[in-house]
Amino acid sequence: MDFYLYDTSLRDGAQSEDVQLSTPDKIKIALRLDNFGIHYIEGGWPGANPVDNEFFEEIKQYTLKNAKIAAFGSTHHASFKAEDDPTMKALVLANVPVITIFGKSSEKHALDALRVSPERNLEIIHDSVAFLKKHAETVFFDAEHFFDGFKANKDYALEVLKNAHKAGANTLVLCDSNGGTLPSEVSEILNICRQELPEAEFGIHAHNDCELAVANSLAALQAGAIHVQGTMNGVGERCGNANLCSIIPIIETKLGKKCLPENMLNQLTTTSAYVYEVMNMKPFARQAFVGKSAFAHKGGIHVSAINRDSTLYEHIRPEQVGNSQRVLITELAGRSNIVSLARRFDFHLDKDEPVVKGLFHELKTKASLGYDYAAAEASMELLLLRKLARRGVRNFFTLKSLRVFETKDANGCPQAEATVAVEVEGAIEHTAATGQGPVNAMDIALRKALSSFYPKISELSLRDFKVRVLTIGQERTSQKHDLFSIGMDDSPAPNTGTASVVRVLIESADPQGAWVTVGVSYDIIEASWQALADSVTYKLYRDEWQSHSNNKLE
């Protein structure tokens, strides 16, 4: 292995203000990272909180195939000897093969933060590392604030490294704790460190305050470091840590080096998504390599080019990292976009075919009315398949009538009731349901009406609901409402009053994945119904097609 990956998502990443991890959450992520091929997983700080303590006990019940668990802590307190310090004792009691401690490598931090003399700080670092080496097979020393400390007092920062190395630290990890160092500085300083300590192994721990954590990590690796610390998706305190989801593919596809087991790079996108899900965070669409938009193409010229050769606008094949190419259909799209999209569904069309021209004009018209198919690919897929009359998209149900009531109870709380009548294969089903808002009521009533015909409809859940007011000739204004509290918005839209056209986007999901559908109307209920009906239809179509495909294989 050329470089070793040290993941600190469970400790440094958990310090992000929008991340709260339970012990089961941490176990799930650790097991997934181990399966992915991460070499070291930092589980937390023993003794700091009950969750971390439970993690170190619980993880012992599992056999890891790739990773070693690391416990994190600080050097011992100045008022204790190393063997008597509570932090040292907690690290040893964690009983893990790897221990990582941080120490002050900046003279200013020793004086102002620890309030000890620079000489005493050197003793503390040496004694802490030496003590822990007696109890763990591997000790990593994180030289906190190293680059800032080096620039302020080079000789002292180097003495810190020399003391940690002399005490037995396996790797000296240079930390850009404030995230303000430039890549050129990282390379230059690391080269000096390697000259001063030619036998030492070096690592990098970069923060992202200047959006340079990935660049600084790569600069360190190219300058001779072999150990890189970071988090999945770059989560972490302030602006986050170095993003392993970018560092890993750059190492393997750009530097031509190895940091993962064979044939595991294509698991990057799903691993990233899994960590987002367990952390209860929304994925960043424009995230490099793994984001939904990382290989998305919108402009017609771009799409025409990638239809001939994807490398014209893609720096790697999306499949290398487990992602996929996406062609967006918008008002900027050309017929090449439609041909490319059709190819995804095994339809081989020519852009001069009448059906392509007709669909192109229909899409242009719908885009001018406010339909956003770039954001609602499920609705786009249904539109394409209906136009081509292919692949099992049929009228799974026909709406016969819809009525929605909005009332308030004696306490002034809003109540919504929806009555739905649908026809399925000649049978009429008439149901009613109450819900927290009209969309929730419609959703419940529709699924209630369809459940006896399509039992798997129970798997469907609505994750998100967005309303955008579309004004004519004016800037558009966006509003986002909670799915289960959406009601009629009686506030006037800018310049056009309450008669504005609205676009509704609904994100839905089942155990197989998630999708987005769209509806547009001057009536928010009608727009919501369009998006809801498409969402249900997409679920039924996909289930039926999957069942048909499985039967053919059998």
Protein backbone atom coordinates (compact mmCIF):
# COMPACT_ATOMS: atom_id res chain seq x y z
CA MET A 1 0.00 0.00 0.00
CA ASP A 2 1.43 3.41 -0.97
CA PHE A 3 -0.61 5.55 1.44
CA TYR A 4 -2.51 4.77 4.62
CA LEU A 5 -5.97 6.18 5.31
CA TYR A 6 -6.92 7.34 8.79
CA ASP A 7 -10.60 8.19 9.17
CA THR A 8 -11.65 10.49 11.99
CA SER A 9 -15.33 10.87 11.06
CA LEU A 10 -16.44 9.35 14.37
CA ARG A 11 -14.42 11.82 16.45
CA ASP A 12 -13.32 14.95 14.58
CA GLY A 13 -16.23 14.64 12.15
CA ALA A 14 -18.70 14.27 15.02
CA GLN A 15 -17.59 17.71 16.24
CA SER A 16 -19.44 19.23 13.29
CA GLU A 17 -22.33 21.31 14.61
CA ASP A 18 -24.90 19.38 12.55
CA VAL A 19 -23.73 15.86 13.49
CA GLN A 20 -24.95 13.87 16.48
CA LEU A 21 -23.92 10.21 16.58
CA SER A 22 -25.20 7.51 18.89
CA THR A 23 -23.17 4.40 19.70
CA PRO A 24 -25.13 2.29 17.13
CA ASP A 25 -24.50 5.02 14.55
CA LYS A 26 -20.78 4.92 15.19
CA ILE A 27 -20.71 1.13 15.01
CA LYS A 28 -22.55 1.16 11.66
CA ILE A 29 -20.16 3.70 10.16
CA ALA A 30 -17.08 1.91 11.51
CA LEU A 31 -18.17 -1.40 9.99
CA ARG A 32 -18.90 0.23 6.64
CA LEU A 33 -15.51 1.99 6.60
CA ASP A 34 -13.78 -1.26 7.48
CA ASN A 35 -15.53 -3.03 4.61
CA PHE A 36 -14.54 -0.18 2.28
CA GLY A 37 -10.87 -0.61 3.15
CA ILE A 38 -9.96 2.23 5.52
CA HIS A 39 -6.80 1.35 7.47
CA TYR A 40 -7.42 3.21 10.74
CA ILE A 41 -10.74 4.30 12.24
CA GLU A 42 -10.62 6.77 15.09
CA GLY A 43 -13.50 5.82 17.37
CA GLY A 44 -13.51 8.72 19.79
CA TRP A 45 -11.99 9.96 23.02
CA PRO A 46 -12.19 7.37 25.83
CA GLY A 47 -13.51 8.87 29.02
CA ALA A 48 -14.84 11.98 27.31
CA ASN A 49 -18.50 10.87 27.10
CA PRO A 50 -20.67 7.75 27.48
CA VAL A 51 -21.11 7.29 23.71
CA ASP A 52 -17.37 7.00 23.11
CA ASN A 53 -16.93 4.66 26.08
CA GLU A 54 -19.74 2.43 24.80
CA PHE A 55 -18.27 2.42 21.31
CA PHE A 56 -14.92 1.06 22.45
CA GLU A 57 -16.66 -1.70 24.37
CA GLU A 58 -19.15 -2.56 21.63
CA ILE A 59 -16.70 -2.59 18.71
CA LYS A 60 -14.81 -5.44 20.40
CA GLN A 61 -17.76 -7.70 19.54
CA TYR A 62 -16.92 -7.39 15.84
CA THR A 63 -14.08 -8.79 13.77
CA LEU A 64 -12.71 -6.17 11.40
CA LYS A 65 -11.04 -7.31 8.19
CA ASN A 66 -9.21 -4.16 7.08
CA ALA A 67 -9.21 -1.49 9.77
CA LYS A 68 -7.62 -1.01 13.16
CA ILE A 69 -9.52 1.00 15.75
CA ALA A 70 -7.75 4.03 17.20
CA ALA A 71 -8.47 5.82 20.47
CA PHE A 72 -7.83 9.55 20.59
CA GLY A 73 -6.69 11.76 23.44
CA SER A 74 -4.28 14.46 24.56
CA THR A 75 -0.89 14.42 26.18
CA HIS A 76 -0.96 14.16 29.96
CA HIS A 77 -1.78 17.14 32.16
CA ALA A 78 1.16 19.15 33.43
CA SER A 79 0.17 18.48 37.06
CA PHE A 80 0.41 14.66 36.62
CA LYS A 81 2.99 12.14 35.65
CA ALA A 82 2.02 10.20 32.55
CA GLU A 83 1.27 6.99 34.46
CA ASP A 84 -1.01 8.81 36.90
CA ASP A 85 -2.91 10.96 34.38
CA PRO A 86 -6.66 10.14 33.93
CA THR A 87 -6.47 10.70 30.17
CA MET A 88 -3.58 8.30 29.80
CA LYS A 89 -5.36 5.68 31.91
CA ALA A 90 -8.57 5.97 29.85
CA LEU A 91 -6.62 5.53 26.61
CA VAL A 92 -4.98 2.38 27.93
CA LEU A 93 -8.28 0.99 29.26
CA ALA A 94 -9.84 1.36 25.80
CA ASN A 95 -7.67 -1.63 24.91
CA VAL A 96 -7.27 -0.86 21.21
CA PRO A 97 -4.24 -1.49 18.99
CA VAL A 98 -3.76 2.17 18.02
CA ILE A 99 -3.62 5.27 20.19
CA THR A 100 -3.44 8.79 18.76
CA ILE A 101 -2.55 11.73 20.98
CA PHE A 102 -2.19 15.37 20.14
CA GLY A 103 0.35 17.74 21.65
CA LYS A 104 1.13 21.41 21.26
CA SER A 105 3.79 21.96 18.61
CA SER A 106 3.45 25.74 18.79
CA GLU A 107 5.45 27.59 21.42
CA LYS A 108 2.68 30.17 21.65
CA HIS A 109 0.09 27.46 22.40
CA ALA A 110 2.32 25.94 25.07
CA LEU A 111 2.62 29.31 26.79
CA ASP A 112 -0.90 30.68 26.29
CA ALA A 113 -3.13 27.57 26.07
CA LEU A 114 -1.36 25.10 28.36
CA ARG A 115 0.35 27.80 30.42
CA VAL A 116 3.52 25.76 30.76
CA SER A 117 7.05 26.54 29.76
CA PRO A 118 8.18 25.40 26.31
CA GLU A 119 10.62 23.01 28.00
CA ARG A 120 7.90 21.45 30.14
CA ASN A 121 5.73 20.97 27.05
CA LEU A 122 8.53 18.97 25.40
CA GLU A 123 8.78 16.75 28.50
CA ILE A 124 5.02 16.18 28.50
CA ILE A 125 5.04 15.11 24.84
CA HIS A 126 7.97 12.74 25.30
CA ASP A 127 6.61 11.15 28.47
CA SER A 128 3.09 10.75 27.07
CA VAL A 129 4.27 8.98 23.93
CA ALA A 130 6.75 6.81 25.82
CA PHE A 131 4.12 5.70 28.34
CA LEU A 132 1.54 4.82 25.68
CA LYS A 133 4.08 2.87 23.63
CA LYS A 134 4.21 0.38 26.51
CA HIS A 135 0.48 -0.32 26.12
CA ALA A 136 -0.31 -0.07 22.38
CA GLU A 137 1.26 -1.54 19.27
CA THR A 138 0.99 1.78 17.42
CA VAL A 139 1.11 5.37 18.69
CA PHE A 140 0.46 8.28 16.33
CA PHE A 141 1.46 11.77 17.44
CA ASP A 142 -0.70 14.60 16.09
CA ALA A 143 1.44 17.74 16.15
CA GLU A 144 -1.33 20.24 16.73
CA HIS A 145 -0.99 23.70 15.10
CA PHE A 146 2.25 22.49 13.56
CA PHE A 147 2.40 24.69 10.47
CA ASP A 148 1.52 27.87 12.34
CA GLY A 149 3.96 26.92 15.07
CA PHE A 150 6.68 26.18 12.51
CA LYS A 151 6.24 29.54 10.82
CA ALA A 152 6.45 31.32 14.18
CA ASN A 153 9.37 29.30 15.63
CA LYS A 154 10.79 26.65 13.35
CA ASP A 155 13.34 25.32 15.82
CA TYR A 156 10.78 24.73 18.57
CA ALA A 157 8.29 23.00 16.26
CA LEU A 158 11.05 20.66 15.09
CA GLU A 159 12.05 19.93 18.69
CA VAL A 160 8.47 18.84 19.37
CA LEU A 161 8.69 16.32 16.52
CA LYS A 162 12.09 15.09 17.65
CA ASN A 163 10.86 14.48 21.20
CA ALA A 164 7.80 12.55 19.98
CA HIS A 165 9.92 10.51 17.57
CA LYS A 166 12.56 9.77 20.22
CA ALA A 167 9.82 8.55 22.57
CA GLY A 168 8.67 6.03 19.95
CA ALA A 169 5.84 7.64 17.96
CA ASN A 170 5.22 5.52 14.87
CA THR A 171 4.02 8.42 12.73
CA LEU A 172 4.38 12.17 13.17
CA VAL A 173 1.18 13.75 11.89
CA LEU A 174 1.52 17.42 10.96
CA CYS A 175 -1.72 19.25 11.70
CA ASP A 176 -2.98 22.36 9.96
CA SER A 177 -5.32 22.93 12.87
CA ASN A 178 -6.57 26.37 11.84
CA GLY A 179 -6.79 25.49 8.14
CA GLY A 180 -4.86 28.54 6.98
CA THR A 181 -1.77 27.01 5.38
CA LEU A 182 -1.15 27.02 1.63
CA PRO A 183 -0.19 23.86 -0.31
CA SER A 184 3.20 25.32 -1.26
CA GLU A 185 3.94 25.93 2.42
CA VAL A 186 2.91 22.37 3.32
CA SER A 187 5.34 20.93 0.76
CA GLU A 188 8.21 23.20 1.77
CA ILE A 189 7.80 22.62 5.51
CA LEU A 190 7.38 18.87 5.17
CA ASN A 191 10.57 18.66 3.11
CA ILE A 192 12.44 20.44 5.91
CA CYS A 193 10.96 18.05 8.49
CA ARG A 194 12.06 15.03 6.49
CA GLN A 195 15.58 16.41 6.23
CA GLU A 196 15.67 16.92 10.00
CA LEU A 197 14.13 13.52 10.77
CA PRO A 198 15.00 11.25 7.82
CA GLU A 199 13.99 8.06 9.65
CA ALA A 200 10.55 9.30 10.73
CA GLU A 201 7.26 8.54 9.01
CA PHE A 202 5.03 11.56 8.43
CA GLY A 203 1.30 12.11 8.10
CA ILE A 204 -1.02 15.05 7.44
CA HIS A 205 -4.17 16.25 9.21
CA ALA A 206 -5.67 19.26 7.41
CA HIS A 207 -8.69 21.42 8.14
CA ASN A 208 -10.71 23.15 5.46
CA ASP A 209 -11.06 26.75 6.61
CA CYS A 210 -9.51 28.05 3.37
CA GLU A 211 -11.04 25.28 1.19
CA LEU A 212 -7.54 23.80 0.92
CA ALA A 213 -7.70 20.70 3.11
CA VAL A 214 -7.70 18.28 0.17
CA ALA A 215 -5.01 20.25 -1.67
CA ASN A 216 -2.84 20.44 1.45
CA SER A 217 -3.25 16.71 2.10
CA LEU A 218 -2.20 15.88 -1.46
CA ALA A 219 0.74 18.30 -1.25
CA ALA A 220 1.92 16.47 1.86
CA LEU A 221 1.57 13.05 0.23
CA GLN A 222 3.50 14.20 -2.82
CA ALA A 223 6.19 15.61 -0.52
CA GLY A 224 6.73 12.29 1.24
CA ALA A 225 3.97 11.77 3.81
CA ILE A 226 2.47 8.27 3.79
CA HIS A 227 -0.41 8.72 6.25
CA VAL A 228 -3.42 10.96 5.58
CA GLN A 229 -6.17 11.82 8.03
CA GLY A 230 -9.62 13.04 7.07
CA THR A 231 -13.34 12.40 7.25
CA MET A 232 -15.96 11.01 4.91
CA ASN A 233 -17.62 13.84 3.00
CA GLY A 234 -15.34 16.35 4.74
CA VAL A 235 -17.51 16.70 7.85
CA GLY A 236 -15.91 18.32 10.87
CA GLU A 237 -15.64 21.34 13.07
CA ARG A 238 -16.01 24.79 11.51
CA CYS A 239 -15.51 24.30 7.75
CA GLY A 240 -14.72 20.62 8.13
CA ASN A 241 -11.77 18.28 7.67
CA ALA A 242 -9.95 17.00 4.61
CA ASN A 243 -12.50 15.11 2.53
CA LEU A 244 -11.46 11.48 2.07
CA CYS A 245 -14.10 11.13 -0.65
CA SER A 246 -11.92 13.42 -2.77
CA ILE A 247 -8.48 12.40 -1.53
CA ILE A 248 -9.01 8.67 -2.14
CA PRO A 249 -9.98 8.85 -5.84
CA ILE A 250 -7.29 11.43 -6.56
CA ILE A 251 -4.67 9.12 -5.07
CA GLU A 252 -5.89 6.18 -7.12
CA THR A 253 -6.84 7.82 -10.42
CA LYS A 254 -4.53 10.85 -10.62
CA LEU A 255 -1.42 9.90 -8.66
CA GLY A 256 -1.54 6.28 -9.75
CA LYS A 257 -0.95 5.07 -6.19
CA LYS A 258 -2.80 2.61 -3.97
CA CYS A 259 -4.69 3.35 -0.78
CA LEU A 260 -7.61 0.90 -1.02
CA PRO A 261 -7.93 -2.86 -1.52
CA GLU A 262 -8.34 -4.00 -5.11
CA ASN A 263 -11.69 -3.24 -6.78
CA MET A 264 -13.02 -1.13 -3.90
CA LEU A 265 -12.84 2.37 -5.43
CA ASN A 266 -16.19 1.78 -7.15
CA GLN A 267 -17.76 1.56 -3.68
CA LEU A 268 -16.87 5.19 -2.92
CA THR A 269 -20.20 6.77 -3.88
CA THR A 270 -22.35 4.29 -1.96
CA THR A 271 -20.05 4.54 1.08
CA SER A 272 -20.33 8.34 1.00
CA ALA A 273 -24.13 8.10 0.75
CA TYR A 274 -24.27 5.59 3.61
CA VAL A 275 -22.31 7.88 5.94
CA TYR A 276 -24.53 10.83 5.00
CA GLU A 277 -27.60 8.73 5.79
CA VAL A 278 -26.37 7.50 9.18
CA MET A 279 -25.27 11.02 10.11
CA ASN A 280 -28.73 12.27 9.05
CA MET A 281 -27.19 14.82 6.69
CA LYS A 282 -28.37 15.85 3.25
CA PRO A 283 -25.80 14.91 0.58
CA PHE A 284 -24.06 17.78 -1.20
CA ALA A 285 -25.07 17.46 -4.84
CA ARG A 286 -22.00 19.26 -6.23
CA GLN A 287 -19.51 17.27 -4.17
CA ALA A 288 -16.60 16.10 -6.32
CA PHE A 289 -16.57 12.47 -7.44
CA VAL A 290 -19.57 11.27 -5.39
CA GLY A 291 -22.13 14.10 -5.71
CA LYS A 292 -25.30 13.70 -7.71
CA SER A 293 -24.19 16.55 -9.98
CA ALA A 294 -20.54 15.48 -10.28
CA PHE A 295 -21.13 13.99 -13.73
CA ALA A 296 -24.34 15.81 -14.70
CA HIS A 297 -24.51 17.59 -18.07
CA LYS A 298 -27.01 20.29 -18.92
CA GLY A 299 -25.81 22.29 -21.92
CA GLY A 300 -26.66 20.84 -25.32
CA ILE A 301 -23.11 21.36 -26.64
CA HIS A 302 -21.69 19.42 -23.69
CA VAL A 303 -24.16 16.58 -24.17
CA SER A 304 -23.53 16.38 -27.90
CA ALA A 305 -19.81 16.06 -27.13
CA ILE A 306 -20.10 13.37 -24.44
CA ASN A 307 -22.36 11.35 -26.72
CA ARG A 308 -19.32 11.02 -28.97
CA ASP A 309 -16.68 10.74 -26.26
CA SER A 310 -17.40 11.14 -22.55
CA THR A 311 -13.80 12.18 -21.82
CA LEU A 312 -14.44 15.46 -23.64
CA TYR A 313 -16.24 16.75 -20.53
CA GLU A 314 -15.47 14.16 -17.82
CA HIS A 315 -12.07 13.83 -16.12
CA ILE A 316 -12.68 10.15 -15.18
CA ARG A 317 -15.33 7.56 -15.92
CA PRO A 318 -18.08 8.00 -13.29
CA GLU A 319 -18.25 4.22 -12.83
CA GLN A 320 -14.70 4.21 -11.44
CA VAL A 321 -16.02 5.77 -8.23
CA GLY A 322 -19.46 4.15 -8.39
CA ASN A 323 -21.20 7.22 -9.72
CA SER A 324 -23.06 7.63 -13.02
CA GLN A 325 -23.40 10.10 -15.83
CA ARG A 326 -26.60 12.16 -15.88
CA VAL A 327 -28.02 14.20 -18.74
CA LEU A 328 -30.36 16.96 -17.62
CA ILE A 329 -33.40 18.07 -19.55
CA THR A 330 -33.99 21.81 -19.15
CA GLU A 331 -34.79 24.86 -21.21
CA LEU A 332 -31.08 24.87 -22.20
CA ALA A 333 -31.23 21.32 -23.52
CA GLY A 334 -30.89 20.33 -27.13
CA ARG A 335 -32.06 17.23 -28.94
CA SER A 336 -28.74 15.58 -28.05
CA ASN A 337 -29.86 15.63 -24.41
CA ILE A 338 -33.02 13.72 -25.29
CA VAL A 339 -31.12 11.16 -27.37
CA SER A 340 -28.63 10.68 -24.54
CA LEU A 341 -31.37 10.34 -21.94
CA ALA A 342 -33.25 7.83 -24.10
CA ARG A 343 -30.07 5.78 -24.37
CA ARG A 344 -30.08 5.35 -20.59
CA PHE A 345 -33.34 3.45 -20.99
CA ASP A 346 -32.08 1.39 -23.94
CA PHE A 347 -33.85 3.46 -26.58
CA HIS A 348 -31.54 4.15 -29.51
CA LEU A 349 -32.86 7.23 -31.25
CA ASP A 350 -31.56 9.69 -33.79
CA LYS A 351 -31.89 13.38 -32.98
CA ASP A 352 -33.61 13.98 -36.33
CA GLU A 353 -36.39 11.46 -35.69
CA PRO A 354 -39.88 13.04 -35.48
CA VAL A 355 -40.46 11.69 -31.96
CA VAL A 356 -37.28 13.40 -30.75
CA LYS A 357 -38.24 16.68 -32.38
CA GLY A 358 -41.74 16.43 -30.90
CA LEU A 359 -40.45 15.65 -27.45
CA PHE A 360 -37.92 18.49 -27.70
CA HIS A 361 -40.64 21.02 -28.45
CA GLU A 362 -42.88 19.61 -25.73
CA LEU A 363 -40.08 19.90 -23.19
CA LYS A 364 -39.34 23.47 -24.26
CA THR A 365 -43.01 24.35 -23.79
CA LYS A 366 -43.19 22.70 -20.37
CA ALA A 367 -39.96 24.37 -19.29
CA SER A 368 -41.43 27.76 -20.22
CA LEU A 369 -44.43 26.93 -18.01
CA GLY A 370 -42.17 26.21 -15.06
CA TYR A 371 -41.56 22.46 -15.12
CA ASP A 372 -38.07 21.70 -13.85
CA TYR A 373 -37.04 18.31 -15.15
CA ALA A 374 -33.42 18.75 -14.13
CA ALA A 375 -34.59 18.54 -10.52
CA ALA A 376 -37.34 15.98 -11.18
CA GLU A 377 -35.79 13.18 -13.18
CA ALA A 378 -38.53 10.68 -12.33
CA SER A 379 -41.15 12.88 -13.99
CA MET A 380 -38.80 13.30 -16.95
CA GLU A 381 -38.38 9.54 -17.27
CA LEU A 382 -42.15 8.99 -17.17
CA LEU A 383 -42.70 11.69 -19.80
CA LEU A 384 -40.12 10.13 -22.10
CA LEU A 385 -41.43 6.59 -21.69
CA ARG A 386 -45.04 7.67 -22.24
CA LYS A 387 -44.04 9.56 -25.37
CA LEU A 388 -42.26 6.50 -26.72
CA ALA A 389 -45.06 4.19 -25.53
CA ARG A 390 -42.46 1.80 -24.20
CA ARG A 391 -41.50 -0.28 -21.23
CA GLY A 392 -44.65 -0.79 -19.23
CA VAL A 393 -45.62 2.77 -18.37
CA ARG A 394 -49.39 2.57 -18.31
CA ASN A 395 -52.27 4.15 -16.48
CA PHE A 396 -51.96 2.29 -13.21
CA PHE A 397 -54.85 4.43 -11.96
CA THR A 398 -57.10 7.18 -13.29
CA LEU A 399 -58.29 10.02 -11.10
CA LYS A 400 -62.07 10.36 -11.20
CA SER A 401 -62.45 13.03 -8.55
CA LEU A 402 -60.47 14.87 -5.89
CA ARG A 403 -61.72 17.13 -3.14
CA VAL A 404 -59.68 18.73 -0.38
CA PHE A 405 -61.15 20.47 2.67
CA GLU A 406 -59.27 22.84 4.97
CA THR A 407 -60.89 23.59 8.34
CA LYS A 408 -59.89 24.66 11.83
CA ASP A 409 -60.95 23.03 15.06
CA ALA A 410 -62.19 24.81 18.18
CA ASN A 411 -58.61 25.49 19.24
CA GLY A 412 -57.73 27.08 15.93
CA CYS A 413 -55.59 24.17 14.74
CA PRO A 414 -55.78 23.52 10.98
CA GLN A 415 -57.19 20.22 9.77
CA ALA A 416 -57.11 18.81 6.25
CA GLU A 417 -59.30 16.13 4.69
CA ALA A 418 -58.93 14.69 1.20
CA THR A 419 -61.49 12.62 -0.70
CA VAL A 420 -60.15 10.67 -3.67
CA ALA A 421 -61.90 8.48 -6.24
CA VAL A 422 -59.70 6.50 -8.62
CA GLU A 423 -60.35 3.87 -11.27
CA VAL A 424 -58.08 0.82 -11.49
CA GLU A 425 -58.77 -1.67 -14.30
CA GLY A 426 -62.47 -0.74 -14.36
CA ALA A 427 -62.95 -0.79 -10.59
CA ILE A 428 -63.74 2.44 -8.76
CA GLU A 429 -62.22 2.98 -5.35
CA HIS A 430 -63.48 5.92 -3.27
CA THR A 431 -61.61 6.83 -0.07
CA ALA A 432 -61.11 9.71 2.33
CA ALA A 433 -58.36 10.53 4.80
CA THR A 434 -57.32 13.29 7.15
CA GLY A 435 -53.76 14.53 7.39
CA GLN A 436 -51.46 17.22 8.64
CA GLY A 437 -51.95 19.51 5.69
CA PRO A 438 -53.65 18.90 2.34
CA VAL A 439 -50.71 17.12 0.68
CA ASN A 440 -50.38 14.67 3.53
CA ALA A 441 -54.14 14.05 3.38
CA MET A 442 -54.04 13.47 -0.39
CA ASP A 443 -51.07 11.14 -0.02
CA ILE A 444 -52.81 9.01 2.62
CA ALA A 445 -56.10 8.91 0.71
CA LEU A 446 -54.47 7.93 -2.59
CA ARG A 447 -52.39 5.14 -1.07
CA LYS A 448 -55.43 3.92 0.83
CA ALA A 449 -57.35 3.70 -2.45
CA LEU A 450 -54.55 1.83 -4.23
CA SER A 451 -53.37 -0.49 -1.46
CA SER A 452 -55.68 -3.39 -2.30
CA PHE A 453 -54.54 -3.32 -5.96
CA TYR A 454 -50.84 -2.61 -5.36
CA PRO A 455 -49.81 -3.81 -1.87
CA LYS A 456 -46.19 -2.66 -2.28
CA ILE A 457 -47.42 0.93 -2.26
CA SER A 458 -46.99 0.70 1.53
CA GLU A 459 -43.19 0.88 0.96
CA LEU A 460 -43.49 4.40 -0.42
CA SER A 461 -42.62 7.36 1.78
CA LEU A 462 -42.52 11.07 1.01
CA ARG A 463 -39.28 12.64 2.20
CA ASP A 464 -39.46 16.26 1.13
CA PHE A 465 -41.83 18.83 -0.32
CA LYS A 466 -40.79 22.11 -1.93
CA VAL A 467 -42.87 24.94 -3.32
CA ARG A 468 -41.44 27.62 -5.59
CA VAL A 469 -43.47 30.64 -6.64
CA LEU A 470 -42.89 31.44 -10.31
CA THR A 471 -43.45 35.08 -11.22
CA ILE A 472 -43.59 36.40 -14.74
CA GLY A 473 -40.91 38.88 -15.66
CA GLN A 474 -39.69 39.14 -12.10
CA GLU A 475 -37.16 37.33 -9.97
CA ARG A 476 -38.43 34.01 -8.63
CA THR A 477 -38.95 33.54 -4.93
CA SER A 478 -38.46 30.19 -3.22
CA GLN A 479 -40.24 28.80 -0.20
CA LYS A 480 -39.74 25.43 1.46
CA HIS A 481 -42.43 23.88 3.64
CA ASP A 482 -42.43 20.87 5.88
CA LEU A 483 -44.21 18.00 4.15
CA PHE A 484 -46.65 17.36 6.96
CA SER A 485 -47.56 20.95 7.73
CA ILE A 486 -47.97 22.41 4.24
CA GLY A 487 -51.11 24.41 3.79
CA MET A 488 -52.47 26.99 1.39
CA ASP A 489 -50.04 29.87 1.40
CA ASP A 490 -52.18 33.01 1.61
CA SER A 491 -49.26 35.44 1.53
CA PRO A 492 -49.11 37.41 -1.73
CA ALA A 493 -46.43 36.43 -4.23
CA PRO A 494 -44.14 39.25 -5.33
CA ASN A 495 -45.75 41.59 -7.89
CA THR A 496 -48.29 39.02 -9.14
CA GLY A 497 -50.44 38.49 -6.08
CA THR A 498 -51.98 35.21 -5.05
CA ALA A 499 -52.55 34.15 -8.68
CA SER A 500 -48.89 33.20 -9.16
CA VAL A 501 -47.96 29.91 -10.77
CA VAL A 502 -46.24 27.53 -8.37
CA ARG A 503 -43.90 24.61 -8.93
CA VAL A 504 -44.05 21.69 -6.50
CA LEU A 505 -41.23 19.17 -6.13
CA ILE A 506 -41.80 16.00 -4.12
CA GLU A 507 -38.98 13.68 -3.11
CA SER A 508 -40.14 10.10 -2.50
CA ALA A 509 -38.35 6.92 -1.54
CA ASP A 510 -38.74 3.19 -1.07
CA PRO A 511 -36.20 0.53 -0.02
CA GLN A 512 -34.68 0.58 -3.53
CA GLY A 513 -33.93 4.31 -3.71
CA ALA A 514 -35.27 7.86 -3.94
CA TRP A 515 -36.71 9.98 -6.76
CA VAL A 516 -38.15 13.45 -7.38
CA THR A 517 -41.29 14.43 -9.28
CA VAL A 518 -42.72 17.80 -10.30
CA GLY A 519 -46.07 19.52 -10.76
CA VAL A 520 -46.89 23.06 -11.96
CA SER A 521 -50.14 25.04 -11.70
CA TYR A 522 -51.58 28.31 -10.44
CA ASP A 523 -53.33 26.07 -7.86
CA ILE A 524 -50.99 24.64 -5.22
CA ILE A 525 -53.28 21.63 -4.68
CA GLU A 526 -53.29 20.78 -8.39
CA ALA A 527 -49.50 21.18 -8.65
CA SER A 528 -49.10 18.97 -5.58
CA TRP A 529 -51.42 16.35 -7.04
CA GLN A 530 -49.43 16.22 -10.30
CA ALA A 531 -46.18 15.63 -8.40
CA LEU A 532 -47.83 13.13 -6.04
CA ALA A 533 -49.47 11.17 -8.87
CA ASP A 534 -46.17 10.99 -10.75
CA SER A 535 -44.42 9.82 -7.60
CA VAL A 536 -46.88 6.96 -7.08
CA THR A 537 -46.88 6.06 -10.78
CA TYR A 538 -43.08 5.94 -10.82
CA LYS A 539 -43.08 3.59 -7.85
CA LEU A 540 -45.62 1.25 -9.48
CA TYR A 541 -43.88 1.36 -12.87
CA ARG A 542 -40.49 0.57 -11.38
CA ASP A 543 -41.82 -2.31 -9.30
CA GLU A 544 -43.61 -3.82 -12.28
CA TRP A 545 -40.60 -3.44 -14.57
CA GLN A 546 -38.30 -4.98 -11.97
CA SER A 547 -40.67 -7.92 -11.53
CA HIS A 548 -40.85 -8.37 -15.32
CA SER A 549 -37.04 -8.30 -15.60
CA ASN A 550 -36.64 -10.88 -12.83
CA ASN A 551 -39.15 -13.19 -14.46
CA LYS A 552 -37.27 -13.00 -17.77
CA LEU A 553 -34.04 -13.96 -16.02
CA GLU A 554 -35.72 -16.97 -14.44
